[in-house]
All heavy atoms as atom14 arrays in JSON, in Angstrom:
{
  "sequence": "PGNGTNLGTALDLYGYYAFNPNFDIQLGYSWFWFGSYIERTAPRGDST",
  "atom14_mask": [
    [1, 1, 1, 1, 1, 1, 1, 0, 0, 0, 0, 0, 0, 0],
    [1, 1, 1, 1, 0, 0, 0, 0, 0, 0, 0, 0, 0, 0],
    [1, 1, 1, 1, 1, 1, 1, 1, 0, 0, 0, 0, 0, 0],
    [1, 1, 1, 1, 0, 0, 0, 0, 0, 0, 0, 0, 0, 0],
    [1, 1, 1, 1, 1, 1, 1, 0, 0, 0, 0, 0, 0, 0],
    [1, 1, 1, 1, 1, 1, 1, 1, 0, 0, 0, 0, 0, 0],
    [1, 1, 1, 1, 1, 1, 1, 1, 0, 0, 0, 0, 0, 0],
    [1, 1, 1, 1, 0, 0, 0, 0, 0, 0, 0, 0, 0, 0],
    [1, 1, 1, 1, 1, 1, 1, 0, 0, 0, 0, 0, 0, 0],
    [1, 1, 1, 1, 1, 0, 0, 0, 0, 0, 0, 0, 0, 0],
    [1, 1, 1, 1, 1, 1, 1, 1, 0, 0, 0, 0, 0, 0],
    [1, 1, 1, 1, 1, 1, 1, 1, 0, 0, 0, 0, 0, 0],
    [1, 1, 1, 1, 1, 1, 1, 1, 0, 0, 0, 0, 0, 0],
    [1, 1, 1, 1, 1, 1, 1, 1, 1, 1, 1, 1, 0, 0],
    [1, 1, 1, 1, 0, 0, 0, 0, 0, 0, 0, 0, 0, 0],
    [1, 1, 1, 1, 1, 1, 1, 1, 1, 1, 1, 1, 0, 0],
    [1, 1, 1, 1, 1, 1, 1, 1, 1, 1, 1, 1, 0, 0],
    [1, 1, 1, 1, 1, 0, 0, 0, 0, 0, 0, 0, 0, 0],
    [1, 1, 1, 1, 1, 1, 1, 1, 1, 1, 1, 0, 0, 0],
    [1, 1, 1, 1, 1, 1, 1, 1, 0, 0, 0, 0, 0, 0],
    [1, 1, 1, 1, 1, 1, 1, 0, 0, 0, 0, 0, 0, 0],
    [1, 1, 1, 1, 1, 1, 1, 1, 0, 0, 0, 0, 0, 0],
    [1, 1, 1, 1, 1, 1, 1, 1, 1, 1, 1, 0, 0, 0],
    [1, 1, 1, 1, 1, 1, 1, 1, 0, 0, 0, 0, 0, 0],
    [1, 1, 1, 1, 1, 1, 1, 1, 0, 0, 0, 0, 0, 0],
    [1, 1, 1, 1, 1, 1, 1, 1, 1, 0, 0, 0, 0, 0],
    [1, 1, 1, 1, 1, 1, 1, 1, 0, 0, 0, 0, 0, 0],
    [1, 1, 1, 1, 0, 0, 0, 0, 0, 0, 0, 0, 0, 0],
    [1, 1, 1, 1, 1, 1, 1, 1, 1, 1, 1, 1, 0, 0],
    [1, 1, 1, 1, 1, 1, 0, 0, 0, 0, 0, 0, 0, 0],
    [1, 1, 1, 1, 1, 1, 1, 1, 1, 1, 1, 1, 1, 1],
    [1, 1, 1, 1, 1, 1, 1, 1, 1, 1, 1, 0, 0, 0],
    [1, 1, 1, 1, 1, 1, 1, 1, 1, 1, 1, 1, 1, 1],
    [1, 1, 1, 1, 1, 1, 1, 1, 1, 1, 1, 0, 0, 0],
    [1, 1, 1, 1, 0, 0, 0, 0, 0, 0, 0, 0, 0, 0],
    [1, 1, 1, 1, 1, 1, 0, 0, 0, 0, 0, 0, 0, 0],
    [1, 1, 1, 1, 1, 1, 1, 1, 1, 1, 1, 1, 0, 0],
    [1, 1, 1, 1, 1, 1, 1, 1, 0, 0, 0, 0, 0, 0],
    [1, 1, 1, 1, 1, 1, 1, 1, 1, 0, 0, 0, 0, 0],
    [1, 1, 1, 1, 1, 1, 1, 1, 1, 1, 1, 0, 0, 0],
    [1, 1, 1, 1, 1, 1, 1, 0, 0, 0, 0, 0, 0, 0],
    [1, 1, 1, 1, 1, 0, 0, 0, 0, 0, 0, 0, 0, 0],
    [1, 1, 1, 1, 1, 1, 1, 0, 0, 0, 0, 0, 0, 0],
    [1, 1, 1, 1, 1, 1, 1, 1, 1, 1, 1, 0, 0, 0],
    [1, 1, 1, 1, 0, 0, 0, 0, 0, 0, 0, 0, 0, 0],
    [1, 1, 1, 1, 1, 1, 1, 1, 0, 0, 0, 0, 0, 0],
    [1, 1, 1, 1, 1, 1, 0, 0, 0, 0, 0, 0, 0, 0],
    [1, 1, 1, 1, 1, 1, 1, 0, 0, 0, 0, 0, 0, 0]
  ],
  "atom14_positions": [
    [[67.5, -0.49, 63.49], [68.68, -0.01, 62.8], [69.01, -0.85, 61.57], [68.52, -1.99, 61.45], [69.8, -0.12, 63.84], [69.08, -0.21, 65.17], [67.78, -0.88, 64.89], [0.0, 0.0, 0.0], [0.0, 0.0, 0.0], [0.0, 0.0, 0.0], [0.0, 0.0, 0.0], [0.0, 0.0, 0.0], [0.0, 0.0, 0.0], [0.0, 0.0, 0.0]],
    [[69.82, -0.29, 60.71], [70.27, -1.04, 59.52], [69.29, -1.08, 58.38], [69.37, -1.96, 57.51], [0.0, 0.0, 0.0], [0.0, 0.0, 0.0], [0.0, 0.0, 0.0], [0.0, 0.0, 0.0], [0.0, 0.0, 0.0], [0.0, 0.0, 0.0], [0.0, 0.0, 0.0], [0.0, 0.0, 0.0], [0.0, 0.0, 0.0], [0.0, 0.0, 0.0]],
    [[68.35, -0.17, 58.34], [67.35, -0.12, 57.28], [67.36, 1.18, 56.49], [66.32, 1.67, 56.05], [65.93, -0.33, 57.87], [65.68, -1.79, 58.2], [65.41, -2.6, 57.3], [65.79, -2.14, 59.47], [0.0, 0.0, 0.0], [0.0, 0.0, 0.0], [0.0, 0.0, 0.0], [0.0, 0.0, 0.0], [0.0, 0.0, 0.0], [0.0, 0.0, 0.0]],
    [[68.57, 1.71, 56.32], [68.71, 2.97, 55.6], [68.55, 4.17, 56.52], [68.45, 4.04, 57.73], [0.0, 0.0, 0.0], [0.0, 0.0, 0.0], [0.0, 0.0, 0.0], [0.0, 0.0, 0.0], [0.0, 0.0, 0.0], [0.0, 0.0, 0.0], [0.0, 0.0, 0.0], [0.0, 0.0, 0.0], [0.0, 0.0, 0.0], [0.0, 0.0, 0.0]],
    [[68.52, 5.34, 55.9], [68.49, 6.58, 56.68], [67.39, 7.55, 56.25], [67.18, 8.56, 56.91], [69.83, 7.32, 56.59], [70.09, 7.66, 55.21], [70.97, 6.47, 57.15], [0.0, 0.0, 0.0], [0.0, 0.0, 0.0], [0.0, 0.0, 0.0], [0.0, 0.0, 0.0], [0.0, 0.0, 0.0], [0.0, 0.0, 0.0], [0.0, 0.0, 0.0]],
    [[66.68, 7.26, 55.18], [65.67, 8.19, 54.63], [64.39, 8.15, 55.45], [63.63, 7.18, 55.36], [65.4, 7.86, 53.16], [64.37, 8.79, 52.56], [64.04, 9.84, 53.12], [63.84, 8.42, 51.42], [0.0, 0.0, 0.0], [0.0, 0.0, 0.0], [0.0, 0.0, 0.0], [0.0, 0.0, 0.0], [0.0, 0.0, 0.0], [0.0, 0.0, 0.0]],
    [[64.12, 9.23, 56.22], [62.93, 9.29, 57.07], [61.75, 9.91, 56.32], [60.61, 9.61, 56.65], [63.22, 10.08, 58.33], [64.18, 9.41, 59.3], [64.52, 10.37, 60.44], [63.59, 8.11, 59.84], [0.0, 0.0, 0.0], [0.0, 0.0, 0.0], [0.0, 0.0, 0.0], [0.0, 0.0, 0.0], [0.0, 0.0, 0.0], [0.0, 0.0, 0.0]],
    [[62.01, 10.8, 55.39], [60.91, 11.39, 54.65], [61.01, 12.88, 54.47], [62.02, 13.5, 54.8], [0.0, 0.0, 0.0], [0.0, 0.0, 0.0], [0.0, 0.0, 0.0], [0.0, 0.0, 0.0], [0.0, 0.0, 0.0], [0.0, 0.0, 0.0], [0.0, 0.0, 0.0], [0.0, 0.0, 0.0], [0.0, 0.0, 0.0], [0.0, 0.0, 0.0]],
    [[59.94, 13.45, 53.92], [59.86, 14.86, 53.59], [58.58, 15.45, 54.15], [57.54, 14.77, 54.13], [59.87, 15.03, 52.06], [61.02, 14.41, 51.51], [59.93, 16.51, 51.68], [0.0, 0.0, 0.0], [0.0, 0.0, 0.0], [0.0, 0.0, 0.0], [0.0, 0.0, 0.0], [0.0, 0.0, 0.0], [0.0, 0.0, 0.0], [0.0, 0.0, 0.0]],
    [[58.66, 16.68, 54.63], [57.47, 17.31, 55.21], [57.31, 18.7, 54.61], [58.27, 19.43, 54.37], [57.6, 17.44, 56.73], [0.0, 0.0, 0.0], [0.0, 0.0, 0.0], [0.0, 0.0, 0.0], [0.0, 0.0, 0.0], [0.0, 0.0, 0.0], [0.0, 0.0, 0.0], [0.0, 0.0, 0.0], [0.0, 0.0, 0.0], [0.0, 0.0, 0.0]],
    [[56.04, 19.08, 54.37], [55.7, 20.41, 53.91], [54.67, 21.02, 54.86], [53.66, 20.39, 55.16], [55.11, 20.35, 52.48], [54.55, 21.66, 51.93], [55.67, 22.68, 51.75], [53.83, 21.43, 50.6], [0.0, 0.0, 0.0], [0.0, 0.0, 0.0], [0.0, 0.0, 0.0], [0.0, 0.0, 0.0], [0.0, 0.0, 0.0], [0.0, 0.0, 0.0]],
    [[54.99, 22.23, 55.32], [54.07, 22.93, 56.23], [53.66, 24.25, 55.6], [54.49, 24.99, 55.06], [54.77, 23.26, 57.57], [55.18, 22.04, 58.31], [54.51, 21.01, 58.17], [56.19, 22.14, 59.08], [0.0, 0.0, 0.0], [0.0, 0.0, 0.0], [0.0, 0.0, 0.0], [0.0, 0.0, 0.0], [0.0, 0.0, 0.0], [0.0, 0.0, 0.0]],
    [[52.35, 24.54, 55.65], [51.81, 25.82, 55.23], [50.98, 26.37, 56.36], [50.07, 25.7, 56.87], [50.93, 25.66, 53.98], [51.6, 25.05, 52.76], [50.54, 24.84, 51.65], [52.74, 25.91, 52.21], [0.0, 0.0, 0.0], [0.0, 0.0, 0.0], [0.0, 0.0, 0.0], [0.0, 0.0, 0.0], [0.0, 0.0, 0.0], [0.0, 0.0, 0.0]],
    [[51.29, 27.58, 56.8], [50.49, 28.16, 57.9], [50.54, 29.66, 57.85], [51.46, 30.29, 57.26], [50.96, 27.63, 59.24], [52.42, 27.82, 59.56], [52.84, 28.93, 60.31], [53.36, 26.89, 59.16], [54.2, 29.09, 60.61], [54.7, 27.06, 59.46], [55.09, 28.17, 60.18], [56.43, 28.32, 60.47], [0.0, 0.0, 0.0], [0.0, 0.0, 0.0]],
    [[49.56, 30.28, 58.48], [49.5, 31.72, 58.55], [48.63, 32.16, 59.72], [47.92, 31.37, 60.31], [0.0, 0.0, 0.0], [0.0, 0.0, 0.0], [0.0, 0.0, 0.0], [0.0, 0.0, 0.0], [0.0, 0.0, 0.0], [0.0, 0.0, 0.0], [0.0, 0.0, 0.0], [0.0, 0.0, 0.0], [0.0, 0.0, 0.0], [0.0, 0.0, 0.0]],
    [[48.71, 33.43, 60.03], [47.9, 33.96, 61.16], [47.38, 35.36, 60.82], [47.9, 36.05, 59.96], [48.69, 33.97, 62.46], [49.63, 35.11, 62.6], [49.22, 36.32, 63.16], [50.97, 35.02, 62.21], [50.09, 37.4, 63.31], [51.83, 36.07, 62.36], [51.39, 37.27, 62.9], [52.28, 38.34, 63.03], [0.0, 0.0, 0.0], [0.0, 0.0, 0.0]],
    [[46.31, 35.69, 61.53], [45.74, 37.03, 61.47], [45.56, 37.54, 62.89], [44.95, 36.86, 63.73], [44.38, 37.03, 60.75], [43.74, 38.38, 60.69], [44.14, 39.31, 59.74], [42.77, 38.75, 61.62], [43.56, 40.58, 59.68], [42.17, 40.02, 61.58], [42.59, 40.92, 60.61], [42.04, 42.16, 60.56], [0.0, 0.0, 0.0], [0.0, 0.0, 0.0]],
    [[46.11, 38.7, 63.16], [46.03, 39.29, 64.5], [44.89, 40.32, 64.51], [45.0, 41.37, 63.85], [47.34, 39.94, 64.91], [0.0, 0.0, 0.0], [0.0, 0.0, 0.0], [0.0, 0.0, 0.0], [0.0, 0.0, 0.0], [0.0, 0.0, 0.0], [0.0, 0.0, 0.0], [0.0, 0.0, 0.0], [0.0, 0.0, 0.0], [0.0, 0.0, 0.0]],
    [[43.81, 40.0, 65.2], [42.72, 40.95, 65.29], [43.13, 42.2, 66.06], [42.77, 43.31, 65.73], [41.51, 40.3, 65.97], [40.9, 39.2, 65.14], [41.31, 37.87, 65.32], [39.92, 39.48, 64.21], [40.74, 36.86, 64.56], [39.35, 38.46, 63.45], [39.77, 37.15, 63.62], [0.0, 0.0, 0.0], [0.0, 0.0, 0.0], [0.0, 0.0, 0.0]],
    [[43.93, 41.98, 67.13], [44.5, 43.04, 67.9], [45.68, 42.46, 68.67], [45.95, 41.25, 68.54], [43.45, 43.66, 68.86], [42.83, 42.59, 69.78], [43.53, 41.87, 70.48], [41.52, 42.51, 69.75], [0.0, 0.0, 0.0], [0.0, 0.0, 0.0], [0.0, 0.0, 0.0], [0.0, 0.0, 0.0], [0.0, 0.0, 0.0], [0.0, 0.0, 0.0]],
    [[46.43, 43.23, 69.44], [47.6, 42.68, 70.11], [47.3, 41.55, 71.09], [48.2, 40.78, 71.47], [48.17, 43.91, 70.88], [47.68, 45.09, 70.09], [46.33, 44.7, 69.6], [0.0, 0.0, 0.0], [0.0, 0.0, 0.0], [0.0, 0.0, 0.0], [0.0, 0.0, 0.0], [0.0, 0.0, 0.0], [0.0, 0.0, 0.0], [0.0, 0.0, 0.0]],
    [[46.04, 41.36, 71.46], [45.69, 40.36, 72.43], [45.02, 39.11, 71.88], [44.92, 38.09, 72.57], [44.73, 40.95, 73.51], [45.34, 42.14, 74.21], [45.01, 43.29, 73.91], [46.25, 41.87, 75.12], [0.0, 0.0, 0.0], [0.0, 0.0, 0.0], [0.0, 0.0, 0.0], [0.0, 0.0, 0.0], [0.0, 0.0, 0.0], [0.0, 0.0, 0.0]],
    [[44.62, 39.16, 70.62], [43.87, 38.02, 70.08], [44.25, 37.79, 68.63], [44.26, 38.72, 67.81], [42.37, 38.28, 70.16], [41.54, 37.13, 69.64], [41.5, 35.92, 70.3], [40.76, 37.31, 68.5], [40.74, 34.87, 69.82], [40.0, 36.26, 67.99], [39.98, 35.05, 68.66], [0.0, 0.0, 0.0], [0.0, 0.0, 0.0], [0.0, 0.0, 0.0]],
    [[44.62, 36.55, 68.31], [44.91, 36.17, 66.93], [44.4, 34.78, 66.63], [44.07, 34.0, 67.53], [46.41, 36.31, 66.61], [47.27, 35.34, 67.42], [47.03, 34.12, 67.33], [48.19, 35.79, 68.14], [0.0, 0.0, 0.0], [0.0, 0.0, 0.0], [0.0, 0.0, 0.0], [0.0, 0.0, 0.0], [0.0, 0.0, 0.0], [0.0, 0.0, 0.0]],
    [[44.35, 34.45, 65.34], [43.92, 33.14, 64.88], [44.96, 32.62, 63.89], [45.49, 33.37, 63.1], [42.53, 33.17, 64.26], [42.05, 31.77, 63.9], [42.49, 34.09, 63.03], [40.55, 31.71, 63.56], [0.0, 0.0, 0.0], [0.0, 0.0, 0.0], [0.0, 0.0, 0.0], [0.0, 0.0, 0.0], [0.0, 0.0, 0.0], [0.0, 0.0, 0.0]],
    [[45.26, 31.32, 63.98], [46.26, 30.71, 63.1], [45.63, 29.51, 62.4], [44.89, 28.75, 63.02], [47.48, 30.27, 63.88], [48.61, 29.74, 63.01], [49.82, 29.35, 63.8], [50.23, 28.19, 63.85], [50.47, 30.34, 64.44], [0.0, 0.0, 0.0], [0.0, 0.0, 0.0], [0.0, 0.0, 0.0], [0.0, 0.0, 0.0], [0.0, 0.0, 0.0]],
    [[45.95, 29.33, 61.11], [45.45, 28.22, 60.32], [46.62, 27.56, 59.65], [47.52, 28.24, 59.12], [44.46, 28.74, 59.27], [43.93, 27.74, 58.24], [43.04, 26.71, 58.93], [43.17, 28.45, 57.12], [0.0, 0.0, 0.0], [0.0, 0.0, 0.0], [0.0, 0.0, 0.0], [0.0, 0.0, 0.0], [0.0, 0.0, 0.0], [0.0, 0.0, 0.0]],
    [[46.66, 26.24, 59.68], [47.79, 25.54, 59.09], [47.41, 24.18, 58.48], [46.4, 23.59, 58.86], [0.0, 0.0, 0.0], [0.0, 0.0, 0.0], [0.0, 0.0, 0.0], [0.0, 0.0, 0.0], [0.0, 0.0, 0.0], [0.0, 0.0, 0.0], [0.0, 0.0, 0.0], [0.0, 0.0, 0.0], [0.0, 0.0, 0.0], [0.0, 0.0, 0.0]],
    [[48.22, 23.73, 57.56], [48.07, 22.42, 56.94], [49.46, 21.83, 56.75], [50.41, 22.53, 56.34], [47.33, 22.49, 55.62], [46.67, 21.2, 55.22], [45.33, 21.0, 55.48], [47.37, 20.19, 54.59], [44.7, 19.8, 55.12], [46.75, 19.0, 54.24], [45.41, 18.81, 54.52], [44.81, 17.61, 54.2], [0.0, 0.0, 0.0], [0.0, 0.0, 0.0]],
    [[49.6, 20.53, 57.01], [50.9, 19.88, 56.88], [50.78, 18.55, 56.19], [49.74, 17.85, 56.32], [51.56, 19.72, 58.25], [50.84, 18.82, 59.06], [0.0, 0.0, 0.0], [0.0, 0.0, 0.0], [0.0, 0.0, 0.0], [0.0, 0.0, 0.0], [0.0, 0.0, 0.0], [0.0, 0.0, 0.0], [0.0, 0.0, 0.0], [0.0, 0.0, 0.0]],
    [[51.81, 18.17, 55.48], [51.95, 16.87, 54.84], [53.27, 16.24, 55.28], [54.26, 16.94, 55.44], [52.0, 16.98, 53.31], [50.77, 17.5, 52.66], [49.8, 16.75, 52.02], [50.4, 18.86, 52.46], [48.85, 17.58, 51.48], [49.19, 18.88, 51.75], [50.96, 20.1, 52.87], [48.53, 20.05, 51.4], [50.31, 21.26, 52.52], [49.12, 21.23, 51.82]],
    [[53.26, 14.93, 55.49], [54.49, 14.21, 55.78], [54.53, 12.97, 54.91], [53.69, 12.07, 55.06], [54.59, 13.83, 57.26], [55.98, 13.48, 57.7], [56.69, 14.33, 58.56], [56.63, 12.33, 57.26], [57.99, 14.01, 58.95], [57.92, 12.01, 57.62], [58.6, 12.85, 58.48], [0.0, 0.0, 0.0], [0.0, 0.0, 0.0], [0.0, 0.0, 0.0]],
    [[55.51, 12.91, 54.0], [55.68, 11.74, 53.14], [56.82, 10.92, 53.72], [57.99, 11.32, 53.71], [56.02, 12.2, 51.72], [54.94, 13.01, 51.09], [53.8, 12.55, 50.47], [54.86, 14.42, 51.01], [53.04, 13.59, 50.02], [53.68, 14.77, 50.33], [55.7, 15.49, 51.44], [53.29, 16.08, 50.09], [55.32, 16.78, 51.21], [54.13, 17.09, 50.51]],
    [[56.48, 9.73, 54.23], [57.46, 8.88, 54.91], [58.45, 8.3, 53.91], [58.11, 7.93, 52.77], [56.76, 7.78, 55.71], [56.01, 8.28, 56.87], [54.62, 8.33, 56.89], [56.71, 8.74, 58.0], [53.94, 8.81, 57.97], [56.0, 9.23, 59.09], [54.6, 9.26, 59.06], [0.0, 0.0, 0.0], [0.0, 0.0, 0.0], [0.0, 0.0, 0.0]],
    [[59.71, 8.17, 54.35], [60.77, 7.65, 53.5], [60.93, 6.13, 53.66], [60.17, 5.42, 54.35], [0.0, 0.0, 0.0], [0.0, 0.0, 0.0], [0.0, 0.0, 0.0], [0.0, 0.0, 0.0], [0.0, 0.0, 0.0], [0.0, 0.0, 0.0], [0.0, 0.0, 0.0], [0.0, 0.0, 0.0], [0.0, 0.0, 0.0], [0.0, 0.0, 0.0]],
    [[61.98, 5.63, 53.02], [62.19, 4.17, 52.93], [62.45, 3.55, 54.31], [62.08, 2.39, 54.53], [63.35, 3.86, 51.99], [64.52, 4.54, 52.38], [0.0, 0.0, 0.0], [0.0, 0.0, 0.0], [0.0, 0.0, 0.0], [0.0, 0.0, 0.0], [0.0, 0.0, 0.0], [0.0, 0.0, 0.0], [0.0, 0.0, 0.0], [0.0, 0.0, 0.0]],
    [[63.08, 4.27, 55.23], [63.3, 3.69, 56.57], [62.0, 3.33, 57.26], [61.83, 2.23, 57.8], [64.1, 4.67, 57.44], [64.25, 4.2, 58.87], [65.29, 3.36, 59.26], [63.35, 4.57, 59.86], [65.43, 2.9, 60.56], [63.46, 4.13, 61.15], [64.52, 3.29, 61.51], [64.63, 2.86, 62.8], [0.0, 0.0, 0.0], [0.0, 0.0, 0.0]],
    [[61.05, 4.25, 57.22], [59.73, 4.02, 57.85], [59.01, 2.91, 57.08], [58.37, 2.05, 57.68], [58.9, 5.3, 57.88], [59.62, 6.4, 58.72], [57.49, 5.04, 58.42], [59.78, 6.05, 60.17], [0.0, 0.0, 0.0], [0.0, 0.0, 0.0], [0.0, 0.0, 0.0], [0.0, 0.0, 0.0], [0.0, 0.0, 0.0], [0.0, 0.0, 0.0]],
    [[59.05, 2.97, 55.76], [58.35, 1.92, 54.96], [58.85, 0.52, 55.27], [58.1, -0.43, 55.23], [58.51, 2.25, 53.49], [57.78, 3.53, 53.06], [58.12, 3.93, 51.63], [58.99, 3.26, 51.02], [57.52, 4.92, 51.14], [0.0, 0.0, 0.0], [0.0, 0.0, 0.0], [0.0, 0.0, 0.0], [0.0, 0.0, 0.0], [0.0, 0.0, 0.0]],
    [[60.14, 0.37, 55.56], [60.72, -0.93, 55.82], [60.48, -1.41, 57.27], [60.39, -2.63, 57.49], [62.24, -0.89, 55.57], [62.61, -0.72, 54.13], [64.08, -0.48, 53.98], [64.49, -0.18, 52.59], [65.63, 0.34, 52.25], [66.54, 0.64, 53.18], [65.89, 0.58, 50.99], [0.0, 0.0, 0.0], [0.0, 0.0, 0.0], [0.0, 0.0, 0.0]],
    [[60.43, -0.49, 58.21], [60.45, -0.88, 59.62], [59.15, -0.63, 60.37], [58.87, -1.31, 61.35], [61.59, -0.17, 60.37], [61.37, 1.24, 60.33], [62.94, -0.48, 59.7], [0.0, 0.0, 0.0], [0.0, 0.0, 0.0], [0.0, 0.0, 0.0], [0.0, 0.0, 0.0], [0.0, 0.0, 0.0], [0.0, 0.0, 0.0], [0.0, 0.0, 0.0]],
    [[58.41, 0.37, 59.95], [57.13, 0.69, 60.63], [56.14, 1.23, 59.6], [55.77, 2.4, 59.63], [57.37, 1.71, 61.74], [0.0, 0.0, 0.0], [0.0, 0.0, 0.0], [0.0, 0.0, 0.0], [0.0, 0.0, 0.0], [0.0, 0.0, 0.0], [0.0, 0.0, 0.0], [0.0, 0.0, 0.0], [0.0, 0.0, 0.0], [0.0, 0.0, 0.0]],
    [[55.71, 0.35, 58.66], [54.9, 0.84, 57.52], [53.63, 1.54, 57.97], [52.97, 1.14, 58.92], [54.54, -0.48, 56.78], [55.58, -1.43, 57.2], [55.94, -1.06, 58.62], [0.0, 0.0, 0.0], [0.0, 0.0, 0.0], [0.0, 0.0, 0.0], [0.0, 0.0, 0.0], [0.0, 0.0, 0.0], [0.0, 0.0, 0.0], [0.0, 0.0, 0.0]],
    [[53.32, 2.64, 57.3], [52.13, 3.42, 57.57], [51.87, 4.34, 56.37], [52.76, 4.59, 55.57], [52.29, 4.25, 58.84], [53.41, 5.27, 58.74], [53.78, 5.86, 60.07], [54.5, 4.89, 60.88], [54.85, 5.06, 62.13], [54.56, 6.17, 62.73], [55.5, 4.13, 62.79], [0.0, 0.0, 0.0], [0.0, 0.0, 0.0], [0.0, 0.0, 0.0]],
    [[50.68, 4.83, 56.29], [50.36, 5.78, 55.21], [50.94, 7.15, 55.51], [51.19, 7.52, 56.67], [0.0, 0.0, 0.0], [0.0, 0.0, 0.0], [0.0, 0.0, 0.0], [0.0, 0.0, 0.0], [0.0, 0.0, 0.0], [0.0, 0.0, 0.0], [0.0, 0.0, 0.0], [0.0, 0.0, 0.0], [0.0, 0.0, 0.0], [0.0, 0.0, 0.0]],
    [[51.2, 7.92, 54.46], [51.64, 9.28, 54.66], [50.61, 10.07, 55.45], [49.4, 9.76, 55.39], [51.88, 9.95, 53.29], [53.02, 9.3, 52.54], [53.92, 8.72, 53.16], [53.0, 9.34, 51.29], [0.0, 0.0, 0.0], [0.0, 0.0, 0.0], [0.0, 0.0, 0.0], [0.0, 0.0, 0.0], [0.0, 0.0, 0.0], [0.0, 0.0, 0.0]],
    [[51.05, 11.06, 56.18], [50.14, 11.77, 57.06], [49.88, 13.2, 56.61], [50.76, 13.85, 56.04], [50.69, 11.77, 58.5], [51.85, 12.58, 58.59], [0.0, 0.0, 0.0], [0.0, 0.0, 0.0], [0.0, 0.0, 0.0], [0.0, 0.0, 0.0], [0.0, 0.0, 0.0], [0.0, 0.0, 0.0], [0.0, 0.0, 0.0], [0.0, 0.0, 0.0]],
    [[48.66, 13.67, 56.82], [48.3, 15.04, 56.61], [47.47, 15.5, 57.79], [46.83, 14.7, 58.47], [47.44, 15.23, 55.31], [46.23, 14.46, 55.46], [48.2, 14.75, 54.09], [0.0, 0.0, 0.0], [0.0, 0.0, 0.0], [0.0, 0.0, 0.0], [0.0, 0.0, 0.0], [0.0, 0.0, 0.0], [0.0, 0.0, 0.0], [0.0, 0.0, 0.0]]
  ]
}
């Protein structure tokens, strides 16, 4: 505690295709840019 409140920003892109009512496939990609709270207390690289 006491290291600010900014956790970060995330972007999600995803979609699906339904071959039929019983079978579908989903594809997705996500980014997470960590904010100053994480950088100060648990440093790590942004995640994808």
